[in-house]
N, C-alpha and C. Protein backbone atom coordinates (compact mmCIF):
# COMPACT_ATOMS: atom_id res chain seq x y z
N MET A 1 32.12 109.53 109.37
CA MET A 1 31.40 110.73 109.00
C MET A 1 31.96 111.95 109.75
N ALA A 2 32.31 111.75 111.00
CA ALA A 2 32.86 112.86 111.79
C ALA A 2 34.17 113.36 111.18
N GLN A 3 35.02 112.44 110.75
CA GLN A 3 36.28 112.82 110.11
C GLN A 3 36.03 113.63 108.85
N GLU A 4 35.06 113.22 108.06
CA GLU A 4 34.74 113.93 106.82
C GLU A 4 34.22 115.34 107.13
N CYS A 5 33.41 115.48 108.15
CA CYS A 5 32.88 116.80 108.52
C CYS A 5 33.99 117.77 108.90
N ILE A 6 34.92 117.32 109.75
CA ILE A 6 35.98 118.26 110.13
C ILE A 6 36.97 118.48 109.00
N SER A 7 37.05 117.54 108.08
CA SER A 7 37.89 117.73 106.91
C SER A 7 37.31 118.81 105.98
N LEU A 8 36.00 118.73 105.76
CA LEU A 8 35.34 119.71 104.89
C LEU A 8 35.16 121.07 105.55
N TYR A 9 34.98 121.06 106.88
CA TYR A 9 34.75 122.29 107.64
C TYR A 9 35.75 122.34 108.79
N PRO A 10 36.98 122.78 108.51
CA PRO A 10 38.06 122.71 109.50
C PRO A 10 37.83 123.55 110.76
N ASN A 11 36.94 124.51 110.73
CA ASN A 11 36.65 125.31 111.93
C ASN A 11 35.53 124.73 112.77
N SER A 12 35.02 123.58 112.36
CA SER A 12 33.90 122.98 113.08
C SER A 12 34.40 121.98 114.13
N THR A 13 33.49 121.63 115.00
CA THR A 13 33.72 120.54 115.95
C THR A 13 32.56 119.56 115.80
N VAL A 14 32.82 118.32 116.13
CA VAL A 14 31.82 117.27 116.02
C VAL A 14 31.76 116.53 117.35
N THR A 15 30.54 116.26 117.80
CA THR A 15 30.34 115.44 118.98
C THR A 15 29.64 114.16 118.54
N ILE A 16 30.24 113.05 118.87
CA ILE A 16 29.62 111.76 118.61
C ILE A 16 28.86 111.37 119.86
N TYR A 17 27.56 111.21 119.72
CA TYR A 17 26.68 110.89 120.85
C TYR A 17 26.10 109.50 120.63
N ASP A 18 26.40 108.59 121.54
CA ASP A 18 25.90 107.23 121.40
C ASP A 18 26.02 106.50 122.73
N LEU A 19 25.59 105.27 122.73
CA LEU A 19 25.70 104.43 123.92
C LEU A 19 27.16 104.27 124.29
N PRO A 20 27.46 104.07 125.58
CA PRO A 20 28.86 103.98 126.01
C PRO A 20 29.69 102.95 125.24
N LYS A 21 29.15 101.79 124.96
CA LYS A 21 29.95 100.78 124.26
C LYS A 21 30.25 101.19 122.82
N VAL A 22 29.35 101.92 122.18
CA VAL A 22 29.57 102.40 120.81
C VAL A 22 30.61 103.52 120.82
N VAL A 23 30.53 104.40 121.80
CA VAL A 23 31.51 105.49 121.93
C VAL A 23 32.90 104.91 122.13
N GLN A 24 33.02 103.89 122.95
CA GLN A 24 34.32 103.28 123.21
C GLN A 24 34.94 102.73 121.93
N VAL A 25 34.14 102.05 121.12
CA VAL A 25 34.64 101.50 119.84
C VAL A 25 35.07 102.63 118.91
N ALA A 26 34.26 103.69 118.84
CA ALA A 26 34.59 104.83 117.97
C ALA A 26 35.91 105.47 118.41
N LYS A 27 36.10 105.63 119.71
CA LYS A 27 37.35 106.21 120.22
C LYS A 27 38.55 105.34 119.86
N GLU A 28 38.39 104.05 119.99
CA GLU A 28 39.51 103.14 119.76
C GLU A 28 39.84 102.94 118.28
N ARG A 29 38.82 102.91 117.44
CA ARG A 29 39.04 102.50 116.05
C ARG A 29 38.99 103.61 115.01
N PHE A 30 38.28 104.69 115.30
CA PHE A 30 38.01 105.65 114.23
C PHE A 30 38.54 107.05 114.45
N VAL A 31 38.84 107.42 115.68
CA VAL A 31 39.28 108.79 115.96
C VAL A 31 40.60 108.75 116.70
N PRO A 32 41.66 109.29 116.08
CA PRO A 32 42.96 109.30 116.77
C PRO A 32 42.90 110.19 118.03
N PRO A 33 43.60 109.81 119.08
CA PRO A 33 43.54 110.56 120.35
C PRO A 33 43.96 112.02 120.21
N GLU A 34 44.81 112.32 119.23
CA GLU A 34 45.27 113.72 119.07
C GLU A 34 44.24 114.60 118.35
N GLU A 35 43.14 114.03 117.87
CA GLU A 35 42.11 114.81 117.17
C GLU A 35 41.15 115.42 118.20
N HIS A 36 41.32 116.73 118.43
CA HIS A 36 40.54 117.41 119.47
C HIS A 36 39.27 118.06 118.95
N ARG A 37 39.05 118.03 117.64
CA ARG A 37 37.82 118.61 117.09
C ARG A 37 36.66 117.62 117.13
N ILE A 38 36.95 116.38 117.46
CA ILE A 38 35.91 115.37 117.62
C ILE A 38 35.87 114.97 119.09
N THR A 39 34.71 115.15 119.70
CA THR A 39 34.53 114.77 121.10
C THR A 39 33.43 113.71 121.19
N PHE A 40 33.28 113.17 122.36
CA PHE A 40 32.32 112.09 122.57
C PHE A 40 31.41 112.40 123.74
N HIS A 41 30.17 111.98 123.59
CA HIS A 41 29.17 112.15 124.66
C HIS A 41 28.42 110.83 124.76
N GLU A 42 28.52 110.19 125.91
CA GLU A 42 27.85 108.91 126.11
C GLU A 42 26.44 109.14 126.63
N GLY A 43 25.52 108.36 126.11
CA GLY A 43 24.16 108.45 126.61
C GLY A 43 23.19 107.66 125.75
N ASP A 44 21.97 107.60 126.21
CA ASP A 44 20.87 106.95 125.51
C ASP A 44 19.91 108.04 125.09
N PHE A 45 19.72 108.25 123.80
CA PHE A 45 18.93 109.40 123.36
C PHE A 45 17.46 109.32 123.72
N PHE A 46 16.98 108.18 124.18
CA PHE A 46 15.60 108.10 124.66
C PHE A 46 15.50 108.41 126.14
N LYS A 47 16.59 108.24 126.90
CA LYS A 47 16.56 108.42 128.35
C LYS A 47 17.31 109.66 128.83
N ASP A 48 18.40 109.99 128.17
CA ASP A 48 19.29 111.05 128.63
C ASP A 48 19.10 112.33 127.82
N PRO A 49 19.54 113.47 128.37
CA PRO A 49 19.47 114.72 127.61
C PRO A 49 20.33 114.65 126.35
N ILE A 50 19.87 115.30 125.31
CA ILE A 50 20.63 115.38 124.07
C ILE A 50 21.46 116.66 124.11
N PRO A 51 22.75 116.57 123.83
CA PRO A 51 23.59 117.77 123.87
C PRO A 51 23.12 118.82 122.86
N GLU A 52 23.21 120.08 123.25
CA GLU A 52 22.85 121.18 122.36
C GLU A 52 23.85 121.24 121.21
N ALA A 53 23.34 121.51 120.01
CA ALA A 53 24.21 121.59 118.83
C ALA A 53 23.57 122.49 117.78
N ASP A 54 24.36 122.85 116.78
CA ASP A 54 23.86 123.63 115.65
C ASP A 54 23.26 122.72 114.58
N LEU A 55 23.73 121.48 114.54
CA LEU A 55 23.31 120.54 113.50
C LEU A 55 23.32 119.14 114.09
N TYR A 56 22.30 118.36 113.75
CA TYR A 56 22.23 116.96 114.16
C TYR A 56 22.19 116.10 112.91
N ILE A 57 23.02 115.08 112.89
CA ILE A 57 23.02 114.10 111.80
C ILE A 57 22.70 112.75 112.43
N LEU A 58 21.62 112.16 111.97
CA LEU A 58 21.23 110.84 112.47
C LEU A 58 21.60 109.82 111.41
N ALA A 59 22.70 109.14 111.64
CA ALA A 59 23.17 108.16 110.67
C ALA A 59 22.77 106.76 111.15
N ARG A 60 22.01 106.08 110.33
CA ARG A 60 21.56 104.72 110.63
C ARG A 60 20.84 104.64 111.97
N ILE A 61 19.92 105.56 112.20
CA ILE A 61 19.18 105.59 113.46
C ILE A 61 17.69 105.34 113.23
N LEU A 62 17.05 106.19 112.47
CA LEU A 62 15.58 106.17 112.38
C LEU A 62 15.02 104.88 111.77
N HIS A 63 15.74 104.25 110.90
CA HIS A 63 15.22 103.03 110.26
C HIS A 63 15.03 101.88 111.24
N ASP A 64 15.66 101.95 112.40
CA ASP A 64 15.59 100.87 113.39
C ASP A 64 14.40 100.99 114.34
N TRP A 65 13.67 102.09 114.29
CA TRP A 65 12.64 102.34 115.28
C TRP A 65 11.26 102.48 114.64
N ALA A 66 10.23 102.18 115.44
CA ALA A 66 8.85 102.38 115.02
C ALA A 66 8.59 103.88 114.90
N ASP A 67 7.55 104.25 114.15
CA ASP A 67 7.24 105.67 113.92
C ASP A 67 7.10 106.47 115.21
N ASP A 68 6.43 105.90 116.23
CA ASP A 68 6.24 106.65 117.47
C ASP A 68 7.57 106.95 118.16
N LYS A 69 8.52 106.00 118.12
CA LYS A 69 9.85 106.24 118.69
C LYS A 69 10.62 107.28 117.88
N CYS A 70 10.49 107.22 116.56
CA CYS A 70 11.14 108.22 115.70
C CYS A 70 10.61 109.61 116.00
N MET A 71 9.30 109.73 116.15
CA MET A 71 8.70 111.03 116.46
C MET A 71 9.17 111.53 117.83
N GLN A 72 9.27 110.63 118.79
CA GLN A 72 9.76 111.00 120.12
C GLN A 72 11.19 111.53 120.04
N LEU A 73 12.03 110.82 119.30
CA LEU A 73 13.43 111.24 119.17
C LEU A 73 13.55 112.56 118.41
N LEU A 74 12.83 112.70 117.32
CA LEU A 74 12.91 113.94 116.53
C LEU A 74 12.38 115.14 117.32
N ALA A 75 11.34 114.93 118.12
CA ALA A 75 10.83 116.02 118.96
C ALA A 75 11.86 116.41 120.02
N LYS A 76 12.54 115.43 120.56
CA LYS A 76 13.57 115.70 121.57
C LYS A 76 14.74 116.47 120.95
N ILE A 77 15.13 116.09 119.75
CA ILE A 77 16.21 116.80 119.05
C ILE A 77 15.78 118.22 118.72
N HIS A 78 14.55 118.38 118.26
CA HIS A 78 14.04 119.71 117.94
C HIS A 78 14.11 120.62 119.17
N LYS A 79 13.75 120.08 120.31
CA LYS A 79 13.78 120.85 121.56
C LYS A 79 15.21 121.22 121.96
N ALA A 80 16.18 120.35 121.63
CA ALA A 80 17.58 120.59 122.01
C ALA A 80 18.31 121.53 121.06
N CYS A 81 17.77 121.75 119.86
CA CYS A 81 18.44 122.58 118.85
C CYS A 81 18.65 124.00 119.35
N LYS A 82 19.80 124.54 119.01
CA LYS A 82 20.06 125.95 119.29
C LYS A 82 19.17 126.81 118.40
N ALA A 83 18.74 127.94 118.93
CA ALA A 83 17.99 128.90 118.11
C ALA A 83 18.92 129.46 117.05
N GLY A 84 18.41 129.65 115.86
CA GLY A 84 19.24 130.14 114.79
C GLY A 84 18.41 130.77 113.71
N MET A 85 18.96 130.84 112.51
CA MET A 85 18.30 131.53 111.44
C MET A 85 17.00 130.87 111.00
N PHE A 86 16.81 129.59 111.28
CA PHE A 86 15.59 128.93 110.86
C PHE A 86 14.53 128.88 111.96
N SER A 87 14.86 129.32 113.15
CA SER A 87 13.91 129.25 114.26
C SER A 87 12.69 130.12 114.02
N SER A 88 12.80 131.14 113.20
CA SER A 88 11.64 132.01 112.91
C SER A 88 10.67 131.36 111.96
N LEU A 89 11.02 130.22 111.35
CA LEU A 89 10.14 129.54 110.42
C LEU A 89 9.11 128.67 111.12
N GLN A 90 9.24 128.48 112.39
CA GLN A 90 8.33 127.60 113.12
C GLN A 90 6.97 128.20 113.30
């Protein structure tokens, strides 16, 4: 998905945020070392800070958790979001 994003939006950057073992596999198998528009951030989204971003895509995440954990994660992401054009809608 990260490759597709930078392909469609060449001026964008993508950060893959996941557990260290998942990040390692992604680095080795899916992202060539010369691709500098895709970076990695290791962490546990329930325990560690979520990196600030303009957009968050949760791929195959929410279906694995109970509603209370999903709400906890979504609230944490909401808090980490950069202020932007939609922040006035709150």
